Amino acid sequence: MAIVNAGIELALKTIRPPEGARKVYGVFATTPGFEIEGKMEFHSRPDLRTLMVTDAERSLLILNAQAVMTGRLGSRFAGELIFINCDFTGLFSLSGEAA
């Protein structure tokens, strides 16, 4: 897991997204030792099989995220962007499209 606190605007603007509206979904994921909540953006309906199994990129990008250490609930980490390695993801949940 990597946490990025600032400066993601330039990184995200260099990638030209496909035309159309972006849809934002709530995310809850667990890794060994952490629970992560945040949001993910998609340009079409999310396909979890592609996202978790066949995608060439092995990281999930969680926006406006908070991570809590499961062993120390008082330890919270927050950042504009958190990368999660797909290989270490124990549970992954997308909630309905956020307003």
Protein backbone atom coordinates (compact mmCIF):
# COMPACT_ATOMS: atom_id res chain seq x y z
CA MET A 1 0.00 0.00 0.00
CA ALA A 2 1.28 3.47 -0.86
CA ILE A 3 -0.31 6.74 0.25
CA VAL A 4 0.00 9.93 -1.81
CA ASN A 5 -0.96 13.10 0.05
CA ALA A 6 -0.44 15.87 -2.49
CA GLY A 7 0.32 16.58 -6.11
CA ILE A 8 -1.94 14.05 -7.79
CA GLU A 9 -3.57 16.69 -9.97
CA LEU A 10 -0.71 16.64 -12.50
CA ALA A 11 -0.49 12.86 -12.51
CA LEU A 12 -4.21 12.46 -13.14
CA LYS A 13 -4.39 15.20 -15.77
CA THR A 14 -1.67 13.64 -17.94
CA ILE A 15 -3.88 10.60 -18.58
CA ARG A 16 -6.54 11.49 -21.12
CA PRO A 17 -9.76 9.79 -20.05
CA PRO A 18 -12.25 8.56 -22.64
CA GLU A 19 -15.06 10.94 -23.51
CA GLY A 20 -18.13 10.74 -21.33
CA ALA A 21 -19.11 11.22 -17.76
CA ARG A 22 -17.12 9.66 -14.93
CA LYS A 23 -19.01 7.66 -12.36
CA VAL A 24 -17.79 7.63 -8.76
CA TYR A 25 -18.29 4.55 -6.57
CA GLY A 26 -17.63 4.07 -2.89
CA VAL A 27 -14.95 1.48 -2.07
CA PHE A 28 -14.16 -0.66 0.95
CA ALA A 29 -11.13 -2.95 0.81
CA THR A 30 -9.05 -4.93 3.25
CA THR A 31 -5.42 -5.97 3.15
CA PRO A 32 -3.39 -7.74 5.82
CA GLY A 33 -3.37 -5.20 8.63
CA PHE A 34 -5.47 -2.44 7.02
CA GLU A 35 -9.06 -1.49 6.17
CA ILE A 36 -9.32 1.13 3.41
CA GLU A 37 -12.32 3.29 2.47
CA GLY A 38 -12.53 5.79 -0.36
CA LYS A 39 -13.80 6.28 -3.89
CA MET A 40 -12.99 4.99 -7.38
CA GLU A 41 -13.86 6.59 -10.71
CA PHE A 42 -14.98 4.67 -13.76
CA HIS A 43 -15.91 5.81 -17.26
CA SER A 44 -18.22 2.86 -17.81
CA ARG A 45 -19.79 0.11 -15.74
CA PRO A 46 -17.06 -1.43 -13.55
CA ASP A 47 -16.07 -5.01 -14.34
CA LEU A 48 -14.67 -6.54 -11.15
CA ARG A 49 -13.15 -9.56 -12.91
CA THR A 50 -11.13 -7.29 -15.18
CA LEU A 51 -10.25 -5.02 -12.30
CA MET A 52 -9.04 -7.75 -9.92
CA VAL A 53 -7.88 -10.61 -12.17
CA THR A 54 -6.97 -9.71 -15.73
CA ASP A 55 -5.94 -6.05 -15.51
CA ALA A 56 -2.26 -5.52 -16.39
CA GLU A 57 -1.90 -2.98 -13.61
CA ARG A 58 -1.70 -4.83 -10.31
CA SER A 59 -2.74 -1.86 -8.15
CA LEU A 60 -6.11 -0.41 -7.23
CA LEU A 61 -6.21 3.38 -7.06
CA ILE A 62 -8.46 4.58 -4.22
CA LEU A 63 -9.21 8.33 -4.19
CA ASN A 64 -9.82 10.46 -1.08
CA ALA A 65 -9.01 7.43 1.00
CA GLN A 66 -8.60 6.58 4.66
CA ALA A 67 -6.79 3.52 5.95
CA VAL A 68 -7.13 2.13 9.47
CA MET A 69 -4.70 -0.36 10.99
CA THR A 70 -6.76 -3.32 12.14
CA GLY A 71 -4.42 -4.05 15.05
CA ARG A 72 -4.44 -0.43 16.26
CA LEU A 73 -7.80 1.15 15.52
CA GLY A 74 -6.56 4.57 16.65
CA SER A 75 -3.97 4.61 13.85
CA ARG A 76 -5.52 6.28 10.80
CA PHE A 77 -3.86 7.30 7.57
CA ALA A 78 -5.47 9.50 4.94
CA GLY A 79 -4.46 10.71 1.52
CA GLU A 80 -5.76 11.95 -1.80
CA LEU A 81 -4.69 8.65 -3.36
CA ILE A 82 -3.87 5.22 -1.95
CA PHE A 83 -2.48 2.41 -4.11
CA ILE A 84 -3.39 -1.13 -3.03
CA ASN A 85 -1.61 -4.17 -4.44
CA CYS A 86 -4.30 -6.49 -5.87
CA ASP A 87 -2.38 -9.57 -4.75
CA PHE A 88 -2.80 -8.58 -1.09
CA THR A 89 -6.46 -7.58 -1.27
CA GLY A 90 -8.56 -9.76 1.01
CA LEU A 91 -11.97 -8.17 0.52
CA PHE A 92 -13.04 -5.63 -2.10
CA SER A 93 -16.47 -3.97 -2.23
CA LEU A 94 -17.93 -1.31 -4.52
CA SER A 95 -21.02 0.53 -3.34
CA GLY A 96 -23.56 2.10 -5.65
CA GLU A 97 -22.75 5.13 -7.72
CA ALA A 98 -22.11 8.11 -5.45
CA ALA A 99 -23.88 11.41 -6.04
